[in-house]
Amino acid sequence: QDPKYPAENLLSEGSVRPWLGCPQDRGRQLSVELQLERASPIGYVDIGNCGCAFLQIEVGRSSWPRDQPYLTLVPTVTLMTPDDSKMGRNRCGVRMFKEGKDRSEEK
């Protein structure tokens, strides 16, 4: 991850700060694990995109055995087309996921 834009930015309430990969790292995947204080229903998730082509959200419980796989909350979705990615277009936007629905909203 980029030291200027760490995963902790995902938890900031006061301002919108991105979580980004390190520019020198040509890895194709970033992942973060967040733990809530208690089990909570998730009715919706809003994702602000900053140059990500694909997204998948998985969930689990800390009480599960370590070898139990996470459950998919949001299956892999495309946030940028290959052409958009190559040309640097549509890098920023918002995707809203609600129970049983995927609502796209570009900003």
N, C-alpha and C. Protein backbone atom coordinates (compact mmCIF):
# COMPACT_ATOMS: atom_id res chain seq x y z
N GLN A 1 0.84 -1.19 0.00
CA GLN A 1 0.00 0.00 0.00
C GLN A 1 0.87 1.24 0.00
N ASP A 2 0.32 2.33 -0.47
CA ASP A 2 1.03 3.61 -0.50
C ASP A 2 1.07 4.16 0.92
N PRO A 3 2.27 4.46 1.46
CA PRO A 3 2.35 4.97 2.83
C PRO A 3 1.58 6.28 3.03
N LYS A 4 1.37 7.04 1.96
CA LYS A 4 0.61 8.29 2.07
C LYS A 4 -0.90 8.02 2.14
N TYR A 5 -1.33 6.86 1.65
CA TYR A 5 -2.75 6.54 1.58
C TYR A 5 -3.01 5.13 2.13
N PRO A 6 -2.81 4.93 3.45
CA PRO A 6 -2.93 3.60 4.05
C PRO A 6 -4.39 3.14 4.19
N ALA A 7 -4.57 1.86 4.48
CA ALA A 7 -5.90 1.28 4.64
C ALA A 7 -6.69 1.95 5.76
N GLU A 8 -5.99 2.53 6.74
CA GLU A 8 -6.68 3.23 7.83
C GLU A 8 -7.57 4.35 7.32
N ASN A 9 -7.26 4.87 6.13
CA ASN A 9 -8.10 5.92 5.54
C ASN A 9 -9.53 5.45 5.31
N LEU A 10 -9.72 4.16 5.16
CA LEU A 10 -11.08 3.63 4.96
C LEU A 10 -11.97 3.90 6.16
N LEU A 11 -11.37 4.10 7.31
CA LEU A 11 -12.13 4.29 8.55
C LEU A 11 -12.28 5.76 8.92
N SER A 12 -11.71 6.67 8.15
CA SER A 12 -11.78 8.09 8.50
C SER A 12 -13.20 8.62 8.30
N GLU A 13 -13.69 9.31 9.30
CA GLU A 13 -15.04 9.86 9.23
C GLU A 13 -15.04 11.33 8.83
N GLY A 14 -14.00 12.06 9.19
CA GLY A 14 -13.99 13.49 9.00
C GLY A 14 -13.77 13.95 7.56
N SER A 15 -13.00 13.20 6.81
CA SER A 15 -12.71 13.60 5.44
C SER A 15 -12.59 12.36 4.56
N VAL A 16 -12.70 12.58 3.28
CA VAL A 16 -12.58 11.48 2.32
C VAL A 16 -11.12 11.37 1.91
N ARG A 17 -10.49 10.27 2.31
CA ARG A 17 -9.11 10.00 1.94
C ARG A 17 -9.04 8.60 1.36
N PRO A 18 -8.38 8.45 0.22
CA PRO A 18 -8.35 7.13 -0.42
C PRO A 18 -7.37 6.16 0.22
N TRP A 19 -7.56 4.91 -0.07
CA TRP A 19 -6.61 3.85 0.23
C TRP A 19 -6.06 3.41 -1.12
N LEU A 20 -4.77 3.53 -1.32
CA LEU A 20 -4.17 3.25 -2.62
C LEU A 20 -3.01 2.28 -2.50
N GLY A 21 -2.76 1.60 -3.60
CA GLY A 21 -1.58 0.76 -3.68
C GLY A 21 -0.35 1.61 -3.89
N CYS A 22 0.79 1.08 -3.55
CA CYS A 22 2.07 1.78 -3.72
C CYS A 22 2.35 1.91 -5.22
N PRO A 23 2.68 3.11 -5.70
CA PRO A 23 2.92 3.30 -7.13
C PRO A 23 4.04 2.41 -7.68
N GLN A 24 5.04 2.08 -6.85
CA GLN A 24 6.15 1.24 -7.31
C GLN A 24 5.78 -0.24 -7.35
N ASP A 25 4.73 -0.61 -6.65
CA ASP A 25 4.31 -2.01 -6.60
C ASP A 25 3.38 -2.30 -7.77
N ARG A 26 3.79 -3.18 -8.63
CA ARG A 26 2.99 -3.51 -9.80
C ARG A 26 2.06 -4.70 -9.54
N GLY A 27 1.83 -5.00 -8.25
CA GLY A 27 0.90 -6.07 -7.91
C GLY A 27 -0.48 -5.76 -8.43
N ARG A 28 -1.23 -6.75 -8.67
CA ARG A 28 -2.54 -6.57 -9.28
C ARG A 28 -3.67 -6.65 -8.28
N GLN A 29 -3.35 -6.83 -7.00
CA GLN A 29 -4.42 -7.04 -6.04
C GLN A 29 -4.08 -6.39 -4.70
N LEU A 30 -5.06 -5.73 -4.12
CA LEU A 30 -4.96 -5.20 -2.76
C LEU A 30 -6.08 -5.81 -1.96
N SER A 31 -5.82 -6.09 -0.70
CA SER A 31 -6.90 -6.58 0.15
C SER A 31 -6.73 -5.98 1.54
N VAL A 32 -7.85 -5.82 2.20
CA VAL A 32 -7.86 -5.29 3.56
C VAL A 32 -8.86 -6.10 4.37
N GLU A 33 -8.55 -6.28 5.63
CA GLU A 33 -9.45 -7.00 6.53
C GLU A 33 -9.88 -6.03 7.63
N LEU A 34 -11.17 -5.80 7.74
CA LEU A 34 -11.73 -4.92 8.76
C LEU A 34 -12.53 -5.75 9.73
N GLN A 35 -12.44 -5.44 11.01
CA GLN A 35 -13.20 -6.17 12.01
C GLN A 35 -14.10 -5.19 12.76
N LEU A 36 -15.39 -5.46 12.75
CA LEU A 36 -16.35 -4.63 13.48
C LEU A 36 -16.34 -5.03 14.95
N GLU A 37 -16.80 -4.14 15.81
CA GLU A 37 -16.80 -4.42 17.25
C GLU A 37 -17.73 -5.57 17.61
N ARG A 38 -18.81 -5.71 16.86
CA ARG A 38 -19.77 -6.79 17.13
C ARG A 38 -20.42 -7.21 15.81
N ALA A 39 -21.06 -8.35 15.82
CA ALA A 39 -21.77 -8.81 14.63
C ALA A 39 -22.83 -7.78 14.28
N SER A 40 -22.86 -7.37 13.02
CA SER A 40 -23.78 -6.33 12.58
C SER A 40 -24.35 -6.69 11.22
N PRO A 41 -25.65 -6.46 11.03
CA PRO A 41 -26.22 -6.67 9.70
C PRO A 41 -25.67 -5.61 8.74
N ILE A 42 -25.41 -6.01 7.52
CA ILE A 42 -24.91 -5.08 6.50
C ILE A 42 -26.01 -4.94 5.47
N GLY A 43 -26.67 -3.79 5.48
CA GLY A 43 -27.77 -3.53 4.54
C GLY A 43 -27.29 -2.94 3.23
N TYR A 44 -26.18 -2.20 3.28
CA TYR A 44 -25.64 -1.60 2.07
C TYR A 44 -24.16 -1.29 2.27
N VAL A 45 -23.46 -1.16 1.15
CA VAL A 45 -22.05 -0.76 1.15
C VAL A 45 -21.87 0.22 0.00
N ASP A 46 -21.29 1.37 0.28
CA ASP A 46 -20.95 2.35 -0.75
C ASP A 46 -19.44 2.34 -0.92
N ILE A 47 -18.99 2.20 -2.16
CA ILE A 47 -17.56 2.12 -2.46
C ILE A 47 -17.18 3.30 -3.35
N GLY A 48 -16.24 4.10 -2.89
CA GLY A 48 -15.67 5.15 -3.72
C GLY A 48 -14.46 4.59 -4.44
N ASN A 49 -14.48 4.63 -5.74
CA ASN A 49 -13.41 4.05 -6.53
C ASN A 49 -12.37 5.11 -6.90
N CYS A 50 -11.12 4.71 -6.85
CA CYS A 50 -10.02 5.61 -7.22
C CYS A 50 -9.01 4.82 -8.07
N GLY A 51 -9.46 4.36 -9.23
CA GLY A 51 -8.58 3.66 -10.15
C GLY A 51 -8.58 2.15 -10.06
N CYS A 52 -9.56 1.58 -9.39
CA CYS A 52 -9.66 0.13 -9.26
C CYS A 52 -10.51 -0.44 -10.39
N ALA A 53 -10.06 -1.52 -11.01
CA ALA A 53 -10.79 -2.11 -12.11
C ALA A 53 -11.85 -3.10 -11.64
N PHE A 54 -11.55 -3.86 -10.60
CA PHE A 54 -12.47 -4.89 -10.10
C PHE A 54 -12.59 -4.80 -8.59
N LEU A 55 -13.70 -5.30 -8.08
CA LEU A 55 -13.95 -5.28 -6.64
C LEU A 55 -14.72 -6.54 -6.25
N GLN A 56 -14.36 -7.09 -5.10
CA GLN A 56 -15.12 -8.19 -4.50
C GLN A 56 -15.11 -7.96 -3.00
N ILE A 57 -16.24 -8.19 -2.35
CA ILE A 57 -16.33 -8.03 -0.90
C ILE A 57 -16.74 -9.36 -0.30
N GLU A 58 -15.95 -9.80 0.67
CA GLU A 58 -16.23 -11.04 1.38
C GLU A 58 -16.38 -10.74 2.87
N VAL A 59 -17.19 -11.54 3.55
CA VAL A 59 -17.42 -11.33 4.99
C VAL A 59 -17.26 -12.65 5.73
N GLY A 60 -17.03 -12.51 7.02
CA GLY A 60 -16.91 -13.68 7.88
C GLY A 60 -17.09 -13.26 9.33
N ARG A 61 -16.87 -14.19 10.22
CA ARG A 61 -16.97 -13.92 11.65
C ARG A 61 -15.66 -14.30 12.32
N SER A 62 -15.26 -13.51 13.30
CA SER A 62 -14.01 -13.80 14.00
C SER A 62 -14.11 -15.10 14.79
N SER A 63 -15.33 -15.54 15.09
CA SER A 63 -15.52 -16.79 15.84
C SER A 63 -15.38 -18.03 14.95
N TRP A 64 -15.32 -17.86 13.64
CA TRP A 64 -15.18 -18.99 12.74
C TRP A 64 -13.77 -19.58 12.84
N PRO A 65 -13.63 -20.87 12.55
CA PRO A 65 -12.28 -21.46 12.49
C PRO A 65 -11.46 -20.75 11.40
N ARG A 66 -10.17 -20.67 11.60
CA ARG A 66 -9.30 -19.96 10.64
C ARG A 66 -9.36 -20.53 9.23
N ASP A 67 -9.64 -21.82 9.12
CA ASP A 67 -9.65 -22.43 7.79
C ASP A 67 -11.01 -22.31 7.09
N GLN A 68 -11.99 -21.71 7.75
CA GLN A 68 -13.29 -21.54 7.11
C GLN A 68 -13.23 -20.34 6.16
N PRO A 69 -13.61 -20.54 4.90
CA PRO A 69 -13.53 -19.43 3.94
C PRO A 69 -14.59 -18.37 4.21
N TYR A 70 -14.28 -17.16 3.78
CA TYR A 70 -15.25 -16.07 3.87
C TYR A 70 -16.42 -16.33 2.93
N LEU A 71 -17.53 -15.66 3.20
CA LEU A 71 -18.69 -15.70 2.31
C LEU A 71 -18.65 -14.47 1.42
N THR A 72 -19.11 -14.61 0.20
CA THR A 72 -19.11 -13.49 -0.73
C THR A 72 -20.33 -12.61 -0.48
N LEU A 73 -20.08 -11.36 -0.12
CA LEU A 73 -21.16 -10.39 0.06
C LEU A 73 -21.46 -9.70 -1.27
N VAL A 74 -20.41 -9.30 -1.97
CA VAL A 74 -20.54 -8.70 -3.30
C VAL A 74 -19.61 -9.48 -4.22
N PRO A 75 -20.18 -10.20 -5.21
CA PRO A 75 -19.32 -10.93 -6.13
C PRO A 75 -18.48 -9.96 -6.96
N THR A 76 -17.45 -10.47 -7.59
CA THR A 76 -16.56 -9.61 -8.37
C THR A 76 -17.35 -8.79 -9.38
N VAL A 77 -17.16 -7.48 -9.31
CA VAL A 77 -17.81 -6.56 -10.24
C VAL A 77 -16.74 -5.73 -10.94
N THR A 78 -17.04 -5.30 -12.15
CA THR A 78 -16.13 -4.47 -12.93
C THR A 78 -16.41 -3.01 -12.64
N LEU A 79 -15.38 -2.28 -12.22
CA LEU A 79 -15.52 -0.86 -11.96
C LEU A 79 -14.96 -0.01 -13.11
N MET A 80 -14.04 -0.59 -13.86
CA MET A 80 -13.46 0.08 -15.03
C MET A 80 -13.29 -0.96 -16.13
N THR A 81 -13.59 -0.58 -17.36
CA THR A 81 -13.35 -1.47 -18.48
C THR A 81 -11.85 -1.50 -18.78
N PRO A 82 -11.39 -2.50 -19.54
CA PRO A 82 -9.97 -2.52 -19.91
C PRO A 82 -9.54 -1.24 -20.64
N ASP A 83 -10.40 -0.73 -21.53
CA ASP A 83 -10.07 0.51 -22.24
C ASP A 83 -9.98 1.69 -21.28
N ASP A 84 -10.94 1.77 -20.34
CA ASP A 84 -10.89 2.85 -19.34
C ASP A 84 -9.59 2.78 -18.55
N SER A 85 -9.20 1.59 -18.17
CA SER A 85 -7.98 1.41 -17.39
C SER A 85 -6.74 1.84 -18.18
N LYS A 86 -6.66 1.43 -19.43
CA LYS A 86 -5.51 1.79 -20.27
C LYS A 86 -5.43 3.29 -20.53
N MET A 87 -6.60 3.91 -20.72
CA MET A 87 -6.65 5.33 -21.07
C MET A 87 -6.75 6.24 -19.84
N GLY A 88 -6.89 5.66 -18.66
CA GLY A 88 -7.00 6.46 -17.44
C GLY A 88 -8.34 7.17 -17.31
N ARG A 89 -9.38 6.63 -17.94
CA ARG A 89 -10.72 7.24 -17.89
C ARG A 89 -11.55 6.60 -16.80
N ASN A 90 -12.55 7.34 -16.33
CA ASN A 90 -13.52 6.84 -15.34
C ASN A 90 -12.83 6.23 -14.13
N ARG A 91 -11.75 6.87 -13.69
CA ARG A 91 -10.99 6.36 -12.55
C ARG A 91 -11.70 6.59 -11.23
N CYS A 92 -12.52 7.61 -11.15
CA CYS A 92 -13.19 7.94 -9.88
C CYS A 92 -14.70 7.84 -10.05
N GLY A 93 -15.33 7.19 -9.11
CA GLY A 93 -16.78 7.04 -9.12
C GLY A 93 -17.23 6.37 -7.85
N VAL A 94 -18.51 6.22 -7.71
CA VAL A 94 -19.08 5.57 -6.53
C VAL A 94 -19.97 4.44 -6.99
N ARG A 95 -19.83 3.30 -6.35
CA ARG A 95 -20.72 2.16 -6.58
C ARG A 95 -21.43 1.89 -5.28
N MET A 96 -22.73 1.73 -5.35
CA MET A 96 -23.55 1.47 -4.17
C MET A 96 -24.15 0.08 -4.29
N PHE A 97 -23.95 -0.70 -3.25
CA PHE A 97 -24.46 -2.06 -3.22
C PHE A 97 -25.44 -2.16 -2.07
N LYS A 98 -26.66 -2.58 -2.38
CA LYS A 98 -27.71 -2.72 -1.38
C LYS A 98 -28.19 -4.16 -1.43
N GLU A 99 -28.72 -4.64 -0.32
CA GLU A 99 -29.20 -6.02 -0.26
C GLU A 99 -29.97 -6.39 -1.52
N GLY A 100 -29.47 -7.38 -2.25
CA GLY A 100 -30.16 -7.89 -3.42
C GLY A 100 -30.08 -7.00 -4.64
N LYS A 101 -29.38 -5.86 -4.55
CA LYS A 101 -29.31 -4.94 -5.69
C LYS A 101 -27.90 -4.41 -5.84
N ASP A 102 -27.58 -3.98 -7.04
CA ASP A 102 -26.34 -3.27 -7.32
C ASP A 102 -26.76 -1.98 -8.00
N ARG A 103 -26.56 -0.86 -7.33
CA ARG A 103 -26.93 0.43 -7.91
C ARG A 103 -25.65 1.16 -8.26
N SER A 104 -25.48 1.50 -9.51
CA SER A 104 -24.29 2.25 -9.93
C SER A 104 -24.62 3.73 -9.94
N GLU A 105 -23.68 4.51 -9.45
CA GLU A 105 -23.83 5.97 -9.49
C GLU A 105 -22.47 6.57 -9.71
N GLU A 106 -22.26 7.15 -10.86
CA GLU A 106 -20.97 7.76 -11.18
C GLU A 106 -20.95 9.18 -10.66
N LYS A 107 -19.81 9.58 -10.13
CA LYS A 107 -19.63 10.96 -9.67
C LYS A 107 -18.47 11.59 -10.40
